[in-house]
Structure formats: C-alpha cells, structure tokens
C-alpha cells in the first residue's frame, strides 16, 4: 500500500511539473489518503502483535 501512495505522489509531481493541475491535485489527494490508511493499518498491526505476544 505504501508503494501505491508513493506511486501516486510521483504521478502528482510529474503532472504538476507538466502543468496538469487537476490531475496533480487528484493524485496528491489519493496519495495522502493511501498514506494515512497505511499508517492506520500499521498501527493496528503493531497493537495486535503486542497483544498477541503478551
């Protein structure tokens, strides 16, 4: 999932450099959502692992 967030971030940067502001904004938004979803799943995974090891 982090891979896709980085992929959309790269697409956003390239689109921004080329002047496609609509595509850049959308790609940046998707990248942000995926990144925070990745962080949430990472936190849940770490909590579950800590609970299981006790």
PDB file of N, CA and C in Angstrom:
ATOM      1  N   UNK A   1       0.820  -1.185   0.000  1.00  0.00           N
ATOM      2  CA  UNK A   1       0.000   0.000   0.000  1.00  0.00           C
ATOM      3  C   UNK A   1       0.868   1.255   0.000  1.00  0.00           C
ATOM      4  N   UNK A   2       1.967   1.203   0.704  1.00  0.00           N
ATOM      5  CA  UNK A   2       2.881   2.345   0.703  1.00  0.00           C
ATOM      6  C   UNK A   2       3.444   2.561  -0.696  1.00  0.00           C
ATOM      7  N   UNK A   3       3.631   1.489  -1.430  1.00  0.00           N
ATOM      8  CA  UNK A   3       4.107   1.591  -2.811  1.00  0.00           C
ATOM      9  C   UNK A   3       3.134   2.419  -3.658  1.00  0.00           C
ATOM     10  N   UNK A   4       1.833   2.159  -3.510  1.00  0.00           N
ATOM     11  CA  UNK A   4       0.844   2.891  -4.290  1.00  0.00           C
ATOM     12  C   UNK A   4       0.768   4.353  -3.877  1.00  0.00           C
ATOM     13  N   UNK A   5       0.948   4.630  -2.603  1.00  0.00           N
ATOM     14  CA  UNK A   5       0.964   6.017  -2.153  1.00  0.00           C
ATOM     15  C   UNK A   5       2.137   6.764  -2.780  1.00  0.00           C
ATOM     16  N   UNK A   6       3.301   6.131  -2.801  1.00  0.00           N
ATOM     17  CA  UNK A   6       4.466   6.753  -3.428  1.00  0.00           C
ATOM     18  C   UNK A   6       4.280   6.887  -4.935  1.00  0.00           C
ATOM     19  N   UNK A   7       3.647   5.913  -5.558  1.00  0.00           N
ATOM     20  CA  UNK A   7       3.388   5.969  -6.988  1.00  0.00           C
ATOM     21  C   UNK A   7       2.490   7.155  -7.330  1.00  0.00           C
ATOM     22  N   UNK A   8       1.402   7.346  -6.578  1.00  0.00           N
ATOM     23  CA  UNK A   8       0.518   8.477  -6.822  1.00  0.00           C
ATOM     24  C   UNK A   8       1.212   9.799  -6.528  1.00  0.00           C
ATOM     25  N   UNK A   9       2.109   9.814  -5.552  1.00  0.00           N
ATOM     26  CA  UNK A   9       2.869  11.021  -5.265  1.00  0.00           C
ATOM     27  C   UNK A   9       3.770  11.388  -6.441  1.00  0.00           C
ATOM     28  N   UNK A  10       4.424  10.398  -7.027  1.00  0.00           N
ATOM     29  CA  UNK A  10       5.279  10.650  -8.191  1.00  0.00           C
ATOM     30  C   UNK A  10       4.441  11.137  -9.371  1.00  0.00           C
ATOM     31  N   UNK A  11       3.280  10.524  -9.574  1.00  0.00           N
ATOM     32  CA  UNK A  11       2.384  10.963 -10.647  1.00  0.00           C
ATOM     33  C   UNK A  11       1.957  12.407 -10.413  1.00  0.00           C
ATOM     34  N   UNK A  12       1.662  12.760  -9.171  1.00  0.00           N
ATOM     35  CA  UNK A  12       1.257  14.127  -8.850  1.00  0.00           C
ATOM     36  C   UNK A  12       2.377  15.116  -9.132  1.00  0.00           C
ATOM     37  N   UNK A  13       3.596  14.769  -8.773  1.00  0.00           N
ATOM     38  CA  UNK A  13       4.730  15.672  -9.005  1.00  0.00           C
ATOM     39  C   UNK A  13       4.971  15.850 -10.504  1.00  0.00           C
ATOM     40  N   UNK A  14       4.945  14.761 -11.247  1.00  0.00           N
ATOM     41  CA  UNK A  14       5.170  14.853 -12.695  1.00  0.00           C
ATOM     42  C   UNK A  14       4.056  15.656 -13.358  1.00  0.00           C
ATOM     43  N   UNK A  15       2.815  15.406 -12.969  1.00  0.00           N
ATOM     44  CA  UNK A  15       1.695  16.151 -13.546  1.00  0.00           C
ATOM     45  C   UNK A  15       1.779  17.629 -13.171  1.00  0.00           C
ATOM     46  N   UNK A  16       2.222  17.925 -11.967  1.00  0.00           N
ATOM     47  CA  UNK A  16       2.372  19.316 -11.556  1.00  0.00           C
ATOM     48  C   UNK A  16       3.443  20.035 -12.343  1.00  0.00           C
ATOM     49  N   UNK A  17       4.546  19.344 -12.604  1.00  0.00           N
ATOM     50  CA  UNK A  17       5.634  19.942 -13.388  1.00  0.00           C
ATOM     51  C   UNK A  17       5.177  20.200 -14.820  1.00  0.00           C
ATOM     52  N   UNK A  18       4.376  19.296 -15.361  1.00  0.00           N
ATOM     53  CA  UNK A  18       3.904  19.452 -16.734  1.00  0.00           C
ATOM     54  C   UNK A  18       2.710  20.397 -16.853  1.00  0.00           C
ATOM     55  N   UNK A  19       2.171  20.854 -15.734  1.00  0.00           N
ATOM     56  CA  UNK A  19       1.089  21.835 -15.773  1.00  0.00           C
ATOM     57  C   UNK A  19      -0.311  21.273 -15.692  1.00  0.00           C
ATOM     58  N   UNK A  20      -0.452  20.001 -15.442  1.00  0.00           N
ATOM     59  CA  UNK A  20      -1.783  19.403 -15.299  1.00  0.00           C
ATOM     60  C   UNK A  20      -2.213  19.498 -13.837  1.00  0.00           C
ATOM     61  N   UNK A  21      -2.746  20.647 -13.458  1.00  0.00           N
ATOM     62  CA  UNK A  21      -3.033  20.893 -12.038  1.00  0.00           C
ATOM     63  C   UNK A  21      -4.175  20.024 -11.517  1.00  0.00           C
ATOM     64  N   UNK A  22      -5.150  19.723 -12.343  1.00  0.00           N
ATOM     65  CA  UNK A  22      -6.269  18.886 -11.898  1.00  0.00           C
ATOM     66  C   UNK A  22      -5.830  17.470 -11.577  1.00  0.00           C
ATOM     67  N   UNK A  23      -5.053  16.910 -12.462  1.00  0.00           N
ATOM     68  CA  UNK A  23      -4.545  15.551 -12.255  1.00  0.00           C
ATOM     69  C   UNK A  23      -3.581  15.529 -11.073  1.00  0.00           C
ATOM     70  N   UNK A  24      -2.754  16.576 -10.957  1.00  0.00           N
ATOM     71  CA  UNK A  24      -1.792  16.637  -9.857  1.00  0.00           C
ATOM     72  C   UNK A  24      -2.513  16.708  -8.513  1.00  0.00           C
ATOM     73  N   UNK A  25      -3.543  17.507  -8.431  1.00  0.00           N
ATOM     74  CA  UNK A  25      -4.291  17.625  -7.178  1.00  0.00           C
ATOM     75  C   UNK A  25      -4.989  16.338  -6.793  1.00  0.00           C
ATOM     76  N   UNK A  26      -5.589  15.699  -7.780  1.00  0.00           N
ATOM     77  CA  UNK A  26      -6.275  14.427  -7.524  1.00  0.00           C
ATOM     78  C   UNK A  26      -5.290  13.346  -7.097  1.00  0.00           C
ATOM     79  N   UNK A  27      -4.165  13.255  -7.785  1.00  0.00           N
ATOM     80  CA  UNK A  27      -3.162  12.249  -7.443  1.00  0.00           C
ATOM     81  C   UNK A  27      -2.576  12.499  -6.059  1.00  0.00           C
ATOM     82  N   UNK A  28      -2.355  13.747  -5.728  1.00  0.00           N
ATOM     83  CA  UNK A  28      -1.834  14.072  -4.401  1.00  0.00           C
ATOM     84  C   UNK A  28      -2.851  13.713  -3.318  1.00  0.00           C
ATOM     85  N   UNK A  29      -4.119  13.942  -3.576  1.00  0.00           N
ATOM     86  CA  UNK A  29      -5.156  13.566  -2.618  1.00  0.00           C
ATOM     87  C   UNK A  29      -5.232  12.072  -2.406  1.00  0.00           C
ATOM     88  N   UNK A  30      -5.158  11.324  -3.493  1.00  0.00           N
ATOM     89  CA  UNK A  30      -5.180   9.862  -3.395  1.00  0.00           C
ATOM     90  C   UNK A  30      -3.953   9.366  -2.644  1.00  0.00           C
ATOM     91  N   UNK A  31      -2.793   9.949  -2.938  1.00  0.00           N
ATOM     92  CA  UNK A  31      -1.566   9.551  -2.243  1.00  0.00           C
ATOM     93  C   UNK A  31      -1.676   9.817  -0.752  1.00  0.00           C
ATOM     94  N   UNK A  32      -2.265  10.943  -0.388  1.00  0.00           N
ATOM     95  CA  UNK A  32      -2.421  11.288   1.031  1.00  0.00           C
ATOM     96  C   UNK A  32      -3.358  10.300   1.726  1.00  0.00           C
ATOM     97  N   UNK A  33      -4.463   9.965   1.088  1.00  0.00           N
ATOM     98  CA  UNK A  33      -5.408   9.008   1.675  1.00  0.00           C
ATOM     99  C   UNK A  33      -4.753   7.644   1.853  1.00  0.00           C
ATOM    100  N   UNK A  34      -4.041   7.182   0.832  1.00  0.00           N
ATOM    101  CA  UNK A  34      -3.387   5.881   0.928  1.00  0.00           C
ATOM    102  C   UNK A  34      -2.308   5.868   2.003  1.00  0.00           C
ATOM    103  N   UNK A  35      -1.578   6.973   2.138  1.00  0.00           N
ATOM    104  CA  UNK A  35      -0.531   7.036   3.148  1.00  0.00           C
ATOM    105  C   UNK A  35      -1.126   6.945   4.548  1.00  0.00           C
ATOM    106  N   UNK A  36      -2.186   7.685   4.815  1.00  0.00           N
ATOM    107  CA  UNK A  36      -2.791   7.638   6.144  1.00  0.00           C
ATOM    108  C   UNK A  36      -3.475   6.298   6.401  1.00  0.00           C
ATOM    109  N   UNK A  37      -4.012   5.684   5.361  1.00  0.00           N
ATOM    110  CA  UNK A  37      -4.577   4.342   5.511  1.00  0.00           C
ATOM    111  C   UNK A  37      -3.477   3.347   5.852  1.00  0.00           C
ATOM    112  N   UNK A  38      -2.317   3.482   5.206  1.00  0.00           N
ATOM    113  CA  UNK A  38      -1.165   2.640   5.521  1.00  0.00           C
ATOM    114  C   UNK A  38      -0.745   2.825   6.974  1.00  0.00           C
ATOM    115  N   UNK A  39      -0.679   4.070   7.441  1.00  0.00           N
ATOM    116  CA  UNK A  39      -0.293   4.326   8.830  1.00  0.00           C
ATOM    117  C   UNK A  39      -1.292   3.724   9.812  1.00  0.00           C
ATOM    118  N   UNK A  40      -2.574   3.822   9.504  1.00  0.00           N
ATOM    119  CA  UNK A  40      -3.591   3.255  10.382  1.00  0.00           C
ATOM    120  C   UNK A  40      -3.468   1.736  10.442  1.00  0.00           C
ATOM    121  N   UNK A  41      -3.283   1.099   9.293  1.00  0.00           N
ATOM    122  CA  UNK A  41      -3.129  -0.353   9.281  1.00  0.00           C
ATOM    123  C   UNK A  41      -1.847  -0.788   9.977  1.00  0.00           C
ATOM    124  N   UNK A  42      -0.793  -0.010   9.856  1.00  0.00           N
ATOM    125  CA  UNK A  42       0.453  -0.308  10.563  1.00  0.00           C
ATOM    126  C   UNK A  42       0.241  -0.238  12.074  1.00  0.00           C
ATOM    127  N   UNK A  43      -0.465   0.790  12.533  1.00  0.00           N
ATOM    128  CA  UNK A  43      -0.723   0.927  13.964  1.00  0.00           C
ATOM    129  C   UNK A  43      -1.562  -0.238  14.486  1.00  0.00           C
ATOM    130  N   UNK A  44      -2.593  -0.618  13.742  1.00  0.00           N
ATOM    131  CA  UNK A  44      -3.435  -1.744  14.148  1.00  0.00           C
ATOM    132  C   UNK A  44      -2.616  -3.023  14.193  1.00  0.00           C
ATOM    133  N   UNK A  45      -1.780  -3.218  13.206  1.00  0.00           N
ATOM    134  CA  UNK A  45      -0.946  -4.405  13.162  1.00  0.00           C
ATOM    135  C   UNK A  45       0.016  -4.464  14.352  1.00  0.00           C
ATOM    136  N   UNK A  46       0.637  -3.340  14.682  1.00  0.00           N
ATOM    137  CA  UNK A  46       1.558  -3.307  15.829  1.00  0.00           C
ATOM    138  C   UNK A  46       0.824  -3.553  17.145  1.00  0.00           C
ATOM    139  N   UNK A  47      -0.357  -3.006  17.284  1.00  0.00           N
ATOM    140  CA  UNK A  47      -1.141  -3.206  18.515  1.00  0.00           C
ATOM    141  C   UNK A  47      -1.540  -4.671  18.645  1.00  0.00           C
ATOM    142  N   UNK A  48      -2.006  -5.268  17.555  1.00  0.00           N
ATOM    143  CA  UNK A  48      -2.398  -6.681  17.602  1.00  0.00           C
ATOM    144  C   UNK A  48      -1.204  -7.572  17.894  1.00  0.00           C
ATOM    145  N   UNK A  49      -0.056  -7.252  17.342  1.00  0.00           N
ATOM    146  CA  UNK A  49       1.138  -8.044  17.619  1.00  0.00           C
ATOM    147  C   UNK A  49       1.548  -7.919  19.077  1.00  0.00           C
ATOM    148  N   UNK A  50       1.426  -6.729  19.639  1.00  0.00           N
ATOM    149  CA  UNK A  50       1.766  -6.535  21.052  1.00  0.00           C
ATOM    150  C   UNK A  50       0.794  -7.294  21.950  1.00  0.00           C
ATOM    151  N   UNK A  51      -0.464  -7.314  21.581  1.00  0.00           N
ATOM    152  CA  UNK A  51      -1.474  -8.027  22.385  1.00  0.00           C
ATOM    153  C   UNK A  51      -1.234  -9.536  22.306  1.00  0.00           C
ATOM    154  N   UNK A  52      -0.902 -10.051  21.133  1.00  0.00           N
ATOM    155  CA  UNK A  52      -0.681 -11.475  20.967  1.00  0.00           C
ATOM    156  C   UNK A  52       0.566 -11.972  21.688  1.00  0.00           C
ATOM    157  N   UNK A  53       1.565 -11.117  21.813  1.00  0.00           N
ATOM    158  CA  UNK A  53       2.804 -11.579  22.439  1.00  0.00           C
ATOM    159  C   UNK A  53       2.721 -11.580  23.964  1.00  0.00           C
ATOM    160  N   UNK A  54       1.686 -10.987  24.530  1.00  0.00           N
ATOM    161  CA  UNK A  54       1.545 -10.940  25.999  1.00  0.00           C
ATOM    162  C   UNK A  54       0.920 -12.165  26.524  1.00  0.00           C
TER     163      UNK A  54
END
